[in-house]
Amino acid sequence: MLSYNNIIEKGEPLNKEIIDHVFDHVTEFPTPAMVSIGDGKADCIVLENFLTHEECDQLVAACEKVGYTFWLQKNHHDADGEATCDSASKAVRVVNTIEANFPHLSAKLYDRIARVVPLKPKCFSEDMPNAEELFERELAGTWVPHALSENLLFGRYHPGGHFMPHVDGSTIVDLNTRSFYTLLIYLNDCLHGGETFIFAGEQCNVMYLDEEENQYRGNATQRVGAVHPKKGSAAFFYYNLLHEGAPVLQGHKYICRADLLYHRTPAIFTSEEDEKAFHVYQEARLAESHGDAERACQLFQRVRKLSKGVASIFQIE
């Protein structure tokens, strides 16, 4: 299944501090209201009034002052490391973005999340319900909400802007810190289009190409929920939940996207060698995804030499 997480390759914007410090003066919090989504089976909650209208306006104004750039999808075949944008890329997603690390803003947002969002620990074991779907060896244990990733993405969708059905993937900081939920904040009212549709099933069975509009879309019959872009509302959904940003039909849609990090308690394999082994494992997976099988094999062997524990988690024989 196609995942989009940390794939936008461009330099951080100038004057990003304008965005990062926009909430430094905020000391009071609104009282949000929870809204049900679909039949309640999807791992998604929506809170209206997560941000005030004034806060949304301040964020939008700050982003416009810093300036958006068009999102370009980079692939391994692009010459000289330059990202390209063609009709195939536009069929996937059309949006202007700002992506950078915003430590002050992310801390402010997490402080609010911790106060108003009913987040619970995530427990993973071989005998958990739906273990065949949810359990992976590297997830074993109890994970507690920890922080909001400093990397935030702001998006501005024009009429026709959209994002095909996809999963966001998980941000993995280290062996004991990773994201399990996406936070999606709607910064304005989008009255015509722009819904976040949630689907059941696999991407390959849900998605089709609308050839007339040159957009990958999700089959409406497999929708299990919809979040309508309402100013100040926020959606929290599990990282592997299949969802789509429907085309904006009129006006604009402004959003902020972030990853909610969890920490494993108690942590496992925390020695210096274990941490090195985990980073080498990530390098090996990257080499593997780039088709460099020889280097991937060498790195996997190094993981085994550095830490038998880490090697056992990822079943490196």
C-alpha atoms as a PDB file:
ATOM      1  CA  MET A   1       0.000   0.000   0.000  1.00  0.00           C
ATOM      2  CA  LEU A   2       1.361   3.413  -0.944  1.00  0.00           C
ATOM      3  CA  SER A   3       2.493   5.473   2.031  1.00  0.00           C
ATOM      4  CA  TYR A   4       3.302   9.167   2.036  1.00  0.00           C
ATOM      5  CA  ASN A   5       5.457  10.155   4.972  1.00  0.00           C
ATOM      6  CA  ASN A   6       8.397  12.541   4.864  1.00  0.00           C
ATOM      7  CA  ILE A   7       8.770  12.359   1.095  1.00  0.00           C
ATOM      8  CA  ILE A   8       8.696  16.035   0.217  1.00  0.00           C
ATOM      9  CA  GLU A   9      12.287  16.877  -0.649  1.00  0.00           C
ATOM     10  CA  LYS A  10      12.939  20.604  -0.584  1.00  0.00           C
ATOM     11  CA  GLY A  11      14.816  22.997   1.648  1.00  0.00           C
ATOM     12  CA  GLU A  12      13.252  24.501   4.728  1.00  0.00           C
ATOM     13  CA  PRO A  13      11.604  27.868   4.038  1.00  0.00           C
ATOM     14  CA  LEU A  14      13.167  31.180   4.978  1.00  0.00           C
ATOM     15  CA  ASN A  15      11.618  32.955   7.957  1.00  0.00           C
ATOM     16  CA  LYS A  16       9.958  29.773   9.213  1.00  0.00           C
ATOM     17  CA  GLU A  17      10.156  31.316  12.713  1.00  0.00           C
ATOM     18  CA  ILE A  18       7.125  33.414  11.766  1.00  0.00           C
ATOM     19  CA  ILE A  19       5.102  30.201  11.791  1.00  0.00           C
ATOM     20  CA  ASP A  20       6.969  28.522  14.632  1.00  0.00           C
ATOM     21  CA  HIS A  21       6.240  31.293  17.154  1.00  0.00           C
ATOM     22  CA  VAL A  22       2.705  32.174  16.081  1.00  0.00           C
ATOM     23  CA  PHE A  23       1.158  30.641  19.244  1.00  0.00           C
ATOM     24  CA  ASP A  24       3.775  31.834  21.755  1.00  0.00           C
ATOM     25  CA  HIS A  25       1.249  34.224  23.306  1.00  0.00           C
ATOM     26  CA  VAL A  26      -1.530  31.633  23.708  1.00  0.00           C
ATOM     27  CA  THR A  27      -2.359  30.739  27.319  1.00  0.00           C
ATOM     28  CA  GLU A  28      -6.025  29.699  27.132  1.00  0.00           C
ATOM     29  CA  PHE A  29      -7.534  26.738  25.329  1.00  0.00           C
ATOM     30  CA  PRO A  30     -10.942  26.284  23.692  1.00  0.00           C
ATOM     31  CA  THR A  31     -13.222  23.457  24.755  1.00  0.00           C
ATOM     32  CA  PRO A  32     -13.499  21.018  21.828  1.00  0.00           C
ATOM     33  CA  ALA A  33     -16.478  18.838  20.972  1.00  0.00           C
ATOM     34  CA  MET A  34     -16.055  15.283  19.712  1.00  0.00           C
ATOM     35  CA  VAL A  35     -17.822  14.328  16.483  1.00  0.00           C
ATOM     36  CA  SER A  36     -18.607  10.753  15.474  1.00  0.00           C
ATOM     37  CA  ILE A  37     -17.305   9.469  12.141  1.00  0.00           C
ATOM     38  CA  GLY A  38     -19.158   6.830  10.127  1.00  0.00           C
ATOM     39  CA  ASP A  39     -20.134   3.720  12.055  1.00  0.00           C
ATOM     40  CA  GLY A  40     -17.389   4.212  14.629  1.00  0.00           C
ATOM     41  CA  LYS A  41     -15.324   1.232  13.445  1.00  0.00           C
ATOM     42  CA  ALA A  42     -12.565   3.330  11.864  1.00  0.00           C
ATOM     43  CA  ASP A  43      -9.785   4.312  14.292  1.00  0.00           C
ATOM     44  CA  CYS A  44     -10.464   8.022  13.906  1.00  0.00           C
ATOM     45  CA  ILE A  45     -11.752  10.775  16.163  1.00  0.00           C
ATOM     46  CA  VAL A  46     -12.644  14.336  15.186  1.00  0.00           C
ATOM     47  CA  LEU A  47     -12.675  17.303  17.546  1.00  0.00           C
ATOM     48  CA  GLU A  48     -14.407  20.517  16.546  1.00  0.00           C
ATOM     49  CA  ASN A  49     -13.061  23.756  18.043  1.00  0.00           C
ATOM     50  CA  PHE A  50      -9.599  22.258  18.570  1.00  0.00           C
ATOM     51  CA  LEU A  51      -8.239  25.641  17.435  1.00  0.00           C
ATOM     52  CA  THR A  52     -10.134  28.907  17.643  1.00  0.00           C
ATOM     53  CA  HIS A  53     -11.013  30.759  14.445  1.00  0.00           C
ATOM     54  CA  GLU A  54      -8.533  33.467  15.421  1.00  0.00           C
ATOM     55  CA  GLU A  55      -5.749  30.897  15.816  1.00  0.00           C
ATOM     56  CA  CYS A  56      -6.552  29.424  12.411  1.00  0.00           C
ATOM     57  CA  ASP A  57      -6.441  32.875  10.824  1.00  0.00           C
ATOM     58  CA  GLN A  58      -3.074  33.570  12.464  1.00  0.00           C
ATOM     59  CA  LEU A  59      -1.606  30.324  11.153  1.00  0.00           C
ATOM     60  CA  VAL A  60      -2.914  30.885   7.626  1.00  0.00           C
ATOM     61  CA  ALA A  61      -1.581  34.458   7.604  1.00  0.00           C
ATOM     62  CA  ALA A  62       1.822  33.301   8.867  1.00  0.00           C
ATOM     63  CA  CYS A  63       2.014  30.602   6.194  1.00  0.00           C
ATOM     64  CA  GLU A  64       1.070  33.036   3.443  1.00  0.00           C
ATOM     65  CA  LYS A  65       3.770  35.409   4.667  1.00  0.00           C
ATOM     66  CA  VAL A  66       6.426  32.673   4.635  1.00  0.00           C
ATOM     67  CA  GLY A  67       5.201  31.406   1.270  1.00  0.00           C
ATOM     68  CA  TYR A  68       4.108  28.044  -0.100  1.00  0.00           C
ATOM     69  CA  THR A  69       5.790  26.110  -2.902  1.00  0.00           C
ATOM     70  CA  PHE A  70       4.304  23.478  -5.169  1.00  0.00           C
ATOM     71  CA  TRP A  71       4.771  19.887  -4.002  1.00  0.00           C
ATOM     72  CA  LEU A  72       6.988  17.853  -6.313  1.00  0.00           C
ATOM     73  CA  GLN A  73       7.237  14.114  -5.971  1.00  0.00           C
ATOM     74  CA  LYS A  74      10.830  12.866  -6.165  1.00  0.00           C
ATOM     75  CA  ASN A  75      11.559   9.420  -7.520  1.00  0.00           C
ATOM     76  CA  HIS A  76      14.735   7.436  -7.911  1.00  0.00           C
ATOM     77  CA  HIS A  77      14.899   7.975 -11.671  1.00  0.00           C
ATOM     78  CA  ASP A  78      14.969  11.784 -11.581  1.00  0.00           C
ATOM     79  CA  ALA A  79      18.133  13.071 -13.222  1.00  0.00           C
ATOM     80  CA  ASP A  80      20.687  14.897 -11.055  1.00  0.00           C
ATOM     81  CA  GLY A  81      18.532  14.499  -7.983  1.00  0.00           C
ATOM     82  CA  GLU A  82      15.968  17.000  -9.232  1.00  0.00           C
ATOM     83  CA  ALA A  83      12.297  16.353  -8.550  1.00  0.00           C
ATOM     84  CA  THR A  84       9.969  16.387 -11.510  1.00  0.00           C
ATOM     85  CA  CYS A  85       6.287  17.119 -11.863  1.00  0.00           C
ATOM     86  CA  ASP A  86       4.253  15.652 -14.679  1.00  0.00           C
ATOM     87  CA  SER A  87       0.689  14.533 -15.285  1.00  0.00           C
ATOM     88  CA  ALA A  88       1.349  11.287 -13.399  1.00  0.00           C
ATOM     89  CA  SER A  89       2.477  13.231 -10.323  1.00  0.00           C
ATOM     90  CA  LYS A  90      -0.542  15.530 -10.547  1.00  0.00           C
ATOM     91  CA  ALA A  91      -2.826  12.508 -10.679  1.00  0.00           C
ATOM     92  CA  VAL A  92      -1.444  11.623  -7.243  1.00  0.00           C
ATOM     93  CA  ARG A  93      -1.590  14.991  -5.527  1.00  0.00           C
ATOM     94  CA  VAL A  94      -1.921  18.689  -6.368  1.00  0.00           C
ATOM     95  CA  VAL A  95      -1.147  21.031  -3.464  1.00  0.00           C
ATOM     96  CA  ASN A  96       1.158  23.824  -2.360  1.00  0.00           C
ATOM     97  CA  THR A  97       3.071  23.073   0.831  1.00  0.00           C
ATOM     98  CA  ILE A  98       5.370  24.285   3.558  1.00  0.00           C
ATOM     99  CA  GLU A  99       7.255  21.554   5.413  1.00  0.00           C
ATOM    100  CA  ALA A 100       9.852  22.133   8.116  1.00  0.00           C
ATOM    101  CA  ASN A 101      10.696  21.490  11.756  1.00  0.00           C
ATOM    102  CA  PHE A 102       8.677  23.762  14.035  1.00  0.00           C
ATOM    103  CA  PRO A 103       9.742  22.891  17.616  1.00  0.00           C
ATOM    104  CA  HIS A 104       7.865  25.698  19.404  1.00  0.00           C
ATOM    105  CA  LEU A 105       4.607  25.269  17.514  1.00  0.00           C
ATOM    106  CA  SER A 106       4.627  21.476  17.785  1.00  0.00           C
ATOM    107  CA  ALA A 107       5.180  21.742  21.556  1.00  0.00           C
ATOM    108  CA  LYS A 108       2.269  24.180  21.859  1.00  0.00           C
ATOM    109  CA  LEU A 109       0.007  21.896  19.841  1.00  0.00           C
ATOM    110  CA  TYR A 110       0.979  18.826  21.872  1.00  0.00           C
ATOM    111  CA  ASP A 111       0.287  20.679  25.114  1.00  0.00           C
ATOM    112  CA  ARG A 112      -3.238  21.220  23.841  1.00  0.00           C
ATOM    113  CA  ILE A 113      -3.571  17.620  22.678  1.00  0.00           C
ATOM    114  CA  ALA A 114      -2.507  16.343  26.101  1.00  0.00           C
ATOM    115  CA  ARG A 115      -5.182  18.500  27.751  1.00  0.00           C
ATOM    116  CA  VAL A 116      -8.175  17.879  25.510  1.00  0.00           C
ATOM    117  CA  VAL A 117      -7.721  14.688  23.462  1.00  0.00           C
ATOM    118  CA  PRO A 118      -8.638  11.339  25.084  1.00  0.00           C
ATOM    119  CA  LEU A 119      -5.507   9.482  23.983  1.00  0.00           C
ATOM    120  CA  LYS A 120      -4.795   6.063  25.457  1.00  0.00           C
ATOM    121  CA  PRO A 121      -1.703   3.835  25.480  1.00  0.00           C
ATOM    122  CA  LYS A 122      -1.323   1.373  22.597  1.00  0.00           C
ATOM    123  CA  CYS A 123      -0.594  -2.219  23.619  1.00  0.00           C
ATOM    124  CA  PHE A 124       0.688  -4.784  21.137  1.00  0.00           C
ATOM    125  CA  SER A 125       1.038  -8.520  21.717  1.00  0.00           C
ATOM    126  CA  GLU A 126       0.693 -11.745  19.766  1.00  0.00           C
ATOM    127  CA  ASP A 127      -2.636 -12.514  21.467  1.00  0.00           C
ATOM    128  CA  MET A 128      -4.197  -9.050  21.024  1.00  0.00           C
ATOM    129  CA  PRO A 129      -7.494  -8.744  19.097  1.00  0.00           C
ATOM    130  CA  ASN A 130      -6.875  -8.640  15.335  1.00  0.00           C
ATOM    131  CA  ALA A 131      -3.250  -9.574  15.938  1.00  0.00           C
ATOM    132  CA  GLU A 132      -2.894 -10.924  12.404  1.00  0.00           C
ATOM    133  CA  GLU A 133      -3.614  -7.427  11.108  1.00  0.00           C
ATOM    134  CA  LEU A 134      -2.093  -5.171  13.781  1.00  0.00           C
ATOM    135  CA  PHE A 135       0.771  -7.006  15.476  1.00  0.00           C
ATOM    136  CA  GLU A 136       4.376  -6.775  14.341  1.00  0.00           C
ATOM    137  CA  ARG A 137       7.332  -8.052  16.343  1.00  0.00           C
ATOM    138  CA  GLU A 138       8.965  -4.622  16.575  1.00  0.00           C
ATOM    139  CA  LEU A 139       5.766  -3.189  18.120  1.00  0.00           C
ATOM    140  CA  ALA A 140       5.538  -5.586  21.069  1.00  0.00           C
ATOM    141  CA  GLY A 141       4.919  -3.781  24.348  1.00  0.00           C
ATOM    142  CA  THR A 142       3.041  -0.760  25.674  1.00  0.00           C
ATOM    143  CA  TRP A 143       3.343   2.623  23.986  1.00  0.00           C
ATOM    144  CA  VAL A 144       2.267   5.896  25.615  1.00  0.00           C
ATOM    145  CA  PRO A 145       1.616   9.300  23.982  1.00  0.00           C
ATOM    146  CA  HIS A 146       4.877  11.208  24.037  1.00  0.00           C
ATOM    147  CA  ALA A 147       5.023  14.297  21.802  1.00  0.00           C
ATOM    148  CA  LEU A 148       4.090  15.784  18.464  1.00  0.00           C
ATOM    149  CA  SER A 149       6.756  15.428  15.815  1.00  0.00           C
ATOM    150  CA  GLU A 150       8.519  18.732  15.178  1.00  0.00           C
ATOM    151  CA  ASN A 151       8.103  18.165  11.445  1.00  0.00           C
ATOM    152  CA  LEU A 152       4.850  19.837  10.399  1.00  0.00           C
ATOM    153  CA  LEU A 153       3.361  20.111   6.930  1.00  0.00           C
ATOM    154  CA  PHE A 154       1.070  22.956   5.912  1.00  0.00           C
ATOM    155  CA  GLY A 155      -0.968  22.516   2.754  1.00  0.00           C
ATOM    156  CA  ARG A 156      -2.926  24.913   0.567  1.00  0.00           C
ATOM    157  CA  TYR A 157      -5.277  23.331  -1.950  1.00  0.00           C
ATOM    158  CA  HIS A 158      -6.642  25.406  -4.841  1.00  0.00           C
ATOM    159  CA  PRO A 159      -9.745  24.402  -6.843  1.00  0.00           C
ATOM    160  CA  GLY A 160      -8.959  20.970  -8.280  1.00  0.00           C
ATOM    161  CA  GLY A 161      -6.367  20.277  -5.578  1.00  0.00           C
ATOM    162  CA  HIS A 162      -6.569  16.748  -4.199  1.00  0.00           C
ATOM    163  CA  PHE A 163      -4.641  13.824  -2.682  1.00  0.00           C
ATOM    164  CA  MET A 164      -5.231  10.269  -3.884  1.00  0.00           C
ATOM    165  CA  PRO A 165      -6.194   7.424  -1.488  1.00  0.00           C
ATOM    166  CA  HIS A 166      -3.114   6.609   0.602  1.00  0.00           C
ATOM    167  CA  VAL A 167      -1.827   5.797   4.063  1.00  0.00           C
ATOM    168  CA  ASP A 168       0.469   8.206   5.862  1.00  0.00           C
ATOM    169  CA  GLY A 169       2.935   5.713   7.268  1.00  0.00           C
ATOM    170  CA  SER A 170       4.727   5.974  10.598  1.00  0.00           C
ATOM    171  CA  THR A 171       7.502   8.367  11.582  1.00  0.00           C
ATOM    172  CA  ILE A 172      10.131   6.224  13.311  1.00  0.00           C
ATOM    173  CA  VAL A 173      12.526   8.191  15.520  1.00  0.00           C
ATOM    174  CA  ASP A 174      14.240   5.207  17.114  1.00  0.00           C
ATOM    175  CA  LEU A 175      13.441   1.676  18.227  1.00  0.00           C
ATOM    176  CA  ASN A 176      11.293   2.978  21.098  1.00  0.00           C
ATOM    177  CA  THR A 177       9.793   6.157  19.634  1.00  0.00           C
ATOM    178  CA  ARG A 178       7.465   6.262  16.653  1.00  0.00           C
ATOM    179  CA  SER A 179       4.159   7.699  15.502  1.00  0.00           C
ATOM    180  CA  PHE A 180       0.863   5.831  15.548  1.00  0.00           C
ATOM    181  CA  TYR A 181      -1.569   8.630  14.697  1.00  0.00           C
ATOM    182  CA  THR A 182      -1.797  11.415  12.151  1.00  0.00           C
ATOM    183  CA  LEU A 183      -3.077  14.808  13.255  1.00  0.00           C
ATOM    184  CA  LEU A 184      -4.883  16.752  10.523  1.00  0.00           C
ATOM    185  CA  ILE A 185      -6.055  20.273  11.408  1.00  0.00           C
ATOM    186  CA  TYR A 186      -8.448  22.131   9.115  1.00  0.00           C
ATOM    187  CA  LEU A 187      -7.586  25.839   9.106  1.00  0.00           C
ATOM    188  CA  ASN A 188     -10.584  27.125   7.147  1.00  0.00           C
ATOM    189  CA  ASP A 189     -14.074  26.156   6.047  1.00  0.00           C
ATOM    190  CA  CYS A 190     -14.115  24.444   2.672  1.00  0.00           C
ATOM    191  CA  LEU A 191     -17.780  24.300   1.730  1.00  0.00           C
ATOM    192  CA  HIS A 192     -17.447  22.645  -1.655  1.00  0.00           C
ATOM    193  CA  GLY A 193     -15.322  19.503  -1.787  1.00  0.00           C
ATOM    194  CA  GLY A 194     -12.079  18.901   0.091  1.00  0.00           C
ATOM    195  CA  GLU A 195     -13.474  16.164   2.355  1.00  0.00           C
ATOM    196  CA  THR A 196     -11.173  13.596   3.925  1.00  0.00           C
ATOM    197  CA  PHE A 197     -12.780  10.312   2.899  1.00  0.00           C
ATOM    198  CA  ILE A 198     -11.928   7.165   4.870  1.00  0.00           C
ATOM    199  CA  PHE A 199     -12.025   3.742   3.231  1.00  0.00           C
ATOM    200  CA  ALA A 200     -12.178   0.088   4.154  1.00  0.00           C
ATOM    201  CA  GLY A 201     -10.100  -2.368   2.164  1.00  0.00           C
ATOM    202  CA  GLU A 202      -6.822  -2.313   0.298  1.00  0.00           C
ATOM    203  CA  GLN A 203      -5.676   0.612  -1.784  1.00  0.00           C
ATOM    204  CA  CYS A 204      -5.440  -1.504  -4.934  1.00  0.00           C
ATOM    205  CA  ASN A 205      -9.121  -2.436  -4.602  1.00  0.00           C
ATOM    206  CA  VAL A 206     -10.357   1.030  -3.661  1.00  0.00           C
ATOM    207  CA  MET A 207      -8.501   3.315  -6.056  1.00  0.00           C
ATOM    208  CA  TYR A 208      -9.236   4.078  -9.694  1.00  0.00           C
ATOM    209  CA  LEU A 209      -8.081   6.700 -12.201  1.00  0.00           C
ATOM    210  CA  ASP A 210     -10.603   9.356 -13.162  1.00  0.00           C
ATOM    211  CA  GLU A 211      -9.232   9.839 -16.661  1.00  0.00           C
ATOM    212  CA  GLU A 212     -11.312  12.913 -17.412  1.00  0.00           C
ATOM    213  CA  GLU A 213      -9.933  14.797 -14.391  1.00  0.00           C
ATOM    214  CA  ASN A 214      -6.564  12.952 -14.324  1.00  0.00           C
ATOM    215  CA  GLN A 215      -6.998  12.163 -10.636  1.00  0.00           C
ATOM    216  CA  TYR A 216      -6.695   8.952  -8.669  1.00  0.00           C
ATOM    217  CA  ARG A 217      -9.878   8.643  -6.612  1.00  0.00           C
ATOM    218  CA  GLY A 218     -11.377   6.237  -4.108  1.00  0.00           C
ATOM    219  CA  ASN A 219     -14.480   4.190  -4.868  1.00  0.00           C
ATOM    220  CA  ALA A 220     -17.407   5.856  -3.103  1.00  0.00           C
ATOM    221  CA  THR A 221     -19.007   2.488  -2.306  1.00  0.00           C
ATOM    222  CA  GLN A 222     -16.079   1.632  -0.014  1.00  0.00           C
ATOM    223  CA  ARG A 223     -16.133   4.787   2.070  1.00  0.00           C
ATOM    224  CA  VAL A 224     -16.666   4.187   5.770  1.00  0.00           C
ATOM    225  CA  GLY A 225     -16.469   7.786   6.920  1.00  0.00           C
ATOM    226  CA  ALA A 226     -15.914  11.387   5.909  1.00  0.00           C
ATOM    227  CA  VAL A 227     -14.409  14.384   7.684  1.00  0.00           C
ATOM    228  CA  HIS A 228     -15.676  17.690   6.330  1.00  0.00           C
ATOM    229  CA  PRO A 229     -13.173  20.570   6.407  1.00  0.00           C
ATOM    230  CA  LYS A 230     -14.441  22.765   9.221  1.00  0.00           C
ATOM    231  CA  LYS A 231     -12.386  25.660  10.489  1.00  0.00           C
ATOM    232  CA  GLY A 232     -10.625  24.790  13.753  1.00  0.00           C
ATOM    233  CA  SER A 233     -11.495  21.080  13.712  1.00  0.00           C
ATOM    234  CA  ALA A 234      -8.892  18.331  13.994  1.00  0.00           C
ATOM    235  CA  ALA A 235      -8.905  14.686  12.955  1.00  0.00           C
ATOM    236  CA  PHE A 236      -6.768  12.061  14.683  1.00  0.00           C
ATOM    237  CA  PHE A 237      -6.523   8.770  12.814  1.00  0.00           C
ATOM    238  CA  TYR A 238      -4.376   5.633  12.860  1.00  0.00           C
ATOM    239  CA  TYR A 239      -1.316   5.849  10.646  1.00  0.00           C
ATOM    240  CA  ASN A 240      -2.316   3.002   8.314  1.00  0.00           C
ATOM    241  CA  LEU A 241      -5.898   4.165   7.775  1.00  0.00           C
ATOM    242  CA  LEU A 242      -6.635   4.482   4.059  1.00  0.00           C
ATOM    243  CA  HIS A 243      -7.898   7.991   3.299  1.00  0.00           C
ATOM    244  CA  GLU A 244      -8.249  10.480   0.466  1.00  0.00           C
ATOM    245  CA  GLY A 245      -8.210  14.255   0.164  1.00  0.00           C
ATOM    246  CA  ALA A 246     -11.166  14.828  -2.168  1.00  0.00           C
ATOM    247  CA  PRO A 247     -10.812  17.501  -4.864  1.00  0.00           C
ATOM    248  CA  VAL A 248     -11.564  21.053  -3.779  1.00  0.00           C
ATOM    249  CA  LEU A 249     -14.420  22.272  -5.960  1.00  0.00           C
ATOM    250  CA  GLN A 250     -14.485  25.924  -4.973  1.00  0.00           C
ATOM    251  CA  GLY A 251     -12.278  28.222  -2.914  1.00  0.00           C
ATOM    252  CA  HIS A 252      -9.254  26.945  -1.017  1.00  0.00           C
ATOM    253  CA  LYS A 253      -8.492  24.411   1.695  1.00  0.00           C
ATOM    254  CA  TYR A 254      -5.791  25.047   4.296  1.00  0.00           C
ATOM    255  CA  ILE A 255      -4.532  22.228   6.504  1.00  0.00           C
ATOM    256  CA  CYS A 256      -1.768  21.388   8.961  1.00  0.00           C
ATOM    257  CA  ARG A 257      -0.554  17.795   9.207  1.00  0.00           C
ATOM    258  CA  ALA A 258       1.605  16.260  11.953  1.00  0.00           C
ATOM    259  CA  ASP A 259       2.549  12.905  13.475  1.00  0.00           C
ATOM    260  CA  LEU A 260       1.670  11.988  17.062  1.00  0.00           C
ATOM    261  CA  LEU A 261       4.642  10.206  18.622  1.00  0.00           C
ATOM    262  CA  TYR A 262       4.453   7.408  21.185  1.00  0.00           C
ATOM    263  CA  HIS A 263       7.213   5.996  23.393  1.00  0.00           C
ATOM    264  CA  ARG A 264       7.552   2.332  24.371  1.00  0.00           C
ATOM    265  CA  THR A 265       7.406   1.818  28.146  1.00  0.00           C
ATOM    266  CA  PRO A 266       9.587   0.183  29.280  1.00  0.00           C
ATOM    267  CA  ALA A 267      12.045   0.777  26.463  1.00  0.00           C
ATOM    268  CA  ILE A 268      13.932  -2.187  24.993  1.00  0.00           C
ATOM    269  CA  PHE A 269      17.452  -2.608  23.614  1.00  0.00           C
ATOM    270  CA  THR A 270      18.785   0.784  24.673  1.00  0.00           C
ATOM    271  CA  SER A 271      22.551   0.203  24.629  1.00  0.00           C
ATOM    272  CA  GLU A 272      24.776   2.166  22.263  1.00  0.00           C
ATOM    273  CA  GLU A 273      25.281  -0.958  20.143  1.00  0.00           C
ATOM    274  CA  ASP A 274      21.521  -1.555  19.980  1.00  0.00           C
ATOM    275  CA  GLU A 275      20.896   2.005  18.822  1.00  0.00           C
ATOM    276  CA  LYS A 276      23.624   1.720  16.186  1.00  0.00           C
ATOM    277  CA  ALA A 277      22.140  -1.563  15.007  1.00  0.00           C
ATOM    278  CA  PHE A 278      18.714   0.003  14.594  1.00  0.00           C
ATOM    279  CA  HIS A 279      20.061   2.898  12.526  1.00  0.00           C
ATOM    280  CA  VAL A 280      22.023   0.457  10.361  1.00  0.00           C
ATOM    281  CA  TYR A 281      18.816  -1.538   9.904  1.00  0.00           C
ATOM    282  CA  GLN A 282      17.065   1.590   8.642  1.00  0.00           C
ATOM    283  CA  GLU A 283      19.936   2.190   6.202  1.00  0.00           C
ATOM    284  CA  ALA A 284      19.589  -1.397   4.997  1.00  0.00           C
ATOM    285  CA  ARG A 285      15.876  -0.984   4.371  1.00  0.00           C
ATOM    286  CA  LEU A 286      16.555   2.215   2.436  1.00  0.00           C
ATOM    287  CA  ALA A 287      19.195   0.501   0.299  1.00  0.00           C
ATOM    288  CA  GLU A 288      16.749  -2.345  -0.293  1.00  0.00           C
ATOM    289  CA  SER A 289      14.023   0.071  -1.410  1.00  0.00           C
ATOM    290  CA  HIS A 290      16.492   1.649  -3.858  1.00  0.00           C
ATOM    291  CA  GLY A 291      17.233  -1.738  -5.395  1.00  0.00           C
ATOM    292  CA  ASP A 292      20.770  -2.004  -3.986  1.00  0.00           C
ATOM    293  CA  ALA A 293      20.495  -5.604  -2.801  1.00  0.00           C
ATOM    294  CA  GLU A 294      24.228  -6.094  -2.242  1.00  0.00           C
ATOM    295  CA  ARG A 295      24.586  -3.113   0.089  1.00  0.00           C
ATOM    296  CA  ALA A 296      21.353  -4.030   1.883  1.00  0.00           C
ATOM    297  CA  CYS A 297      22.682  -7.531   2.532  1.00  0.00           C
ATOM    298  CA  GLN A 298      25.945  -6.149   3.906  1.00  0.00           C
ATOM    299  CA  LEU A 299      24.102  -3.796   6.229  1.00  0.00           C
ATOM    300  CA  PHE A 300      21.743  -6.515   7.470  1.00  0.00           C
ATOM    301  CA  GLN A 301      24.788  -8.614   8.348  1.00  0.00           C
ATOM    302  CA  ARG A 302      26.216  -5.674  10.274  1.00  0.00           C
ATOM    303  CA  VAL A 303      22.973  -5.379  12.253  1.00  0.00           C
ATOM    304  CA  ARG A 304      23.365  -8.987  13.350  1.00  0.00           C
ATOM    305  CA  LYS A 305      26.949  -8.357  14.481  1.00  0.00           C
ATOM    306  CA  LEU A 306      26.053  -5.210  16.410  1.00  0.00           C
ATOM    307  CA  SER A 307      22.988  -6.489  18.287  1.00  0.00           C
ATOM    308  CA  LYS A 308      21.490  -9.953  18.408  1.00  0.00           C
ATOM    309  CA  GLY A 309      18.433  -8.481  20.118  1.00  0.00           C
ATOM    310  CA  VAL A 310      17.675  -5.973  17.362  1.00  0.00           C
ATOM    311  CA  ALA A 311      18.410  -8.633  14.742  1.00  0.00           C
ATOM    312  CA  SER A 312      15.921 -10.989  16.387  1.00  0.00           C
ATOM    313  CA  ILE A 313      13.149  -8.359  16.360  1.00  0.00           C
ATOM    314  CA  PHE A 314      13.475  -7.937  12.620  1.00  0.00           C
ATOM    315  CA  GLN A 315      14.075 -11.645  12.056  1.00  0.00           C
ATOM    316  CA  ILE A 316      17.525 -11.189  10.541  1.00  0.00           C
ATOM    317  CA  GLU A 317      18.926 -14.695  10.470  1.00  0.00           C
END
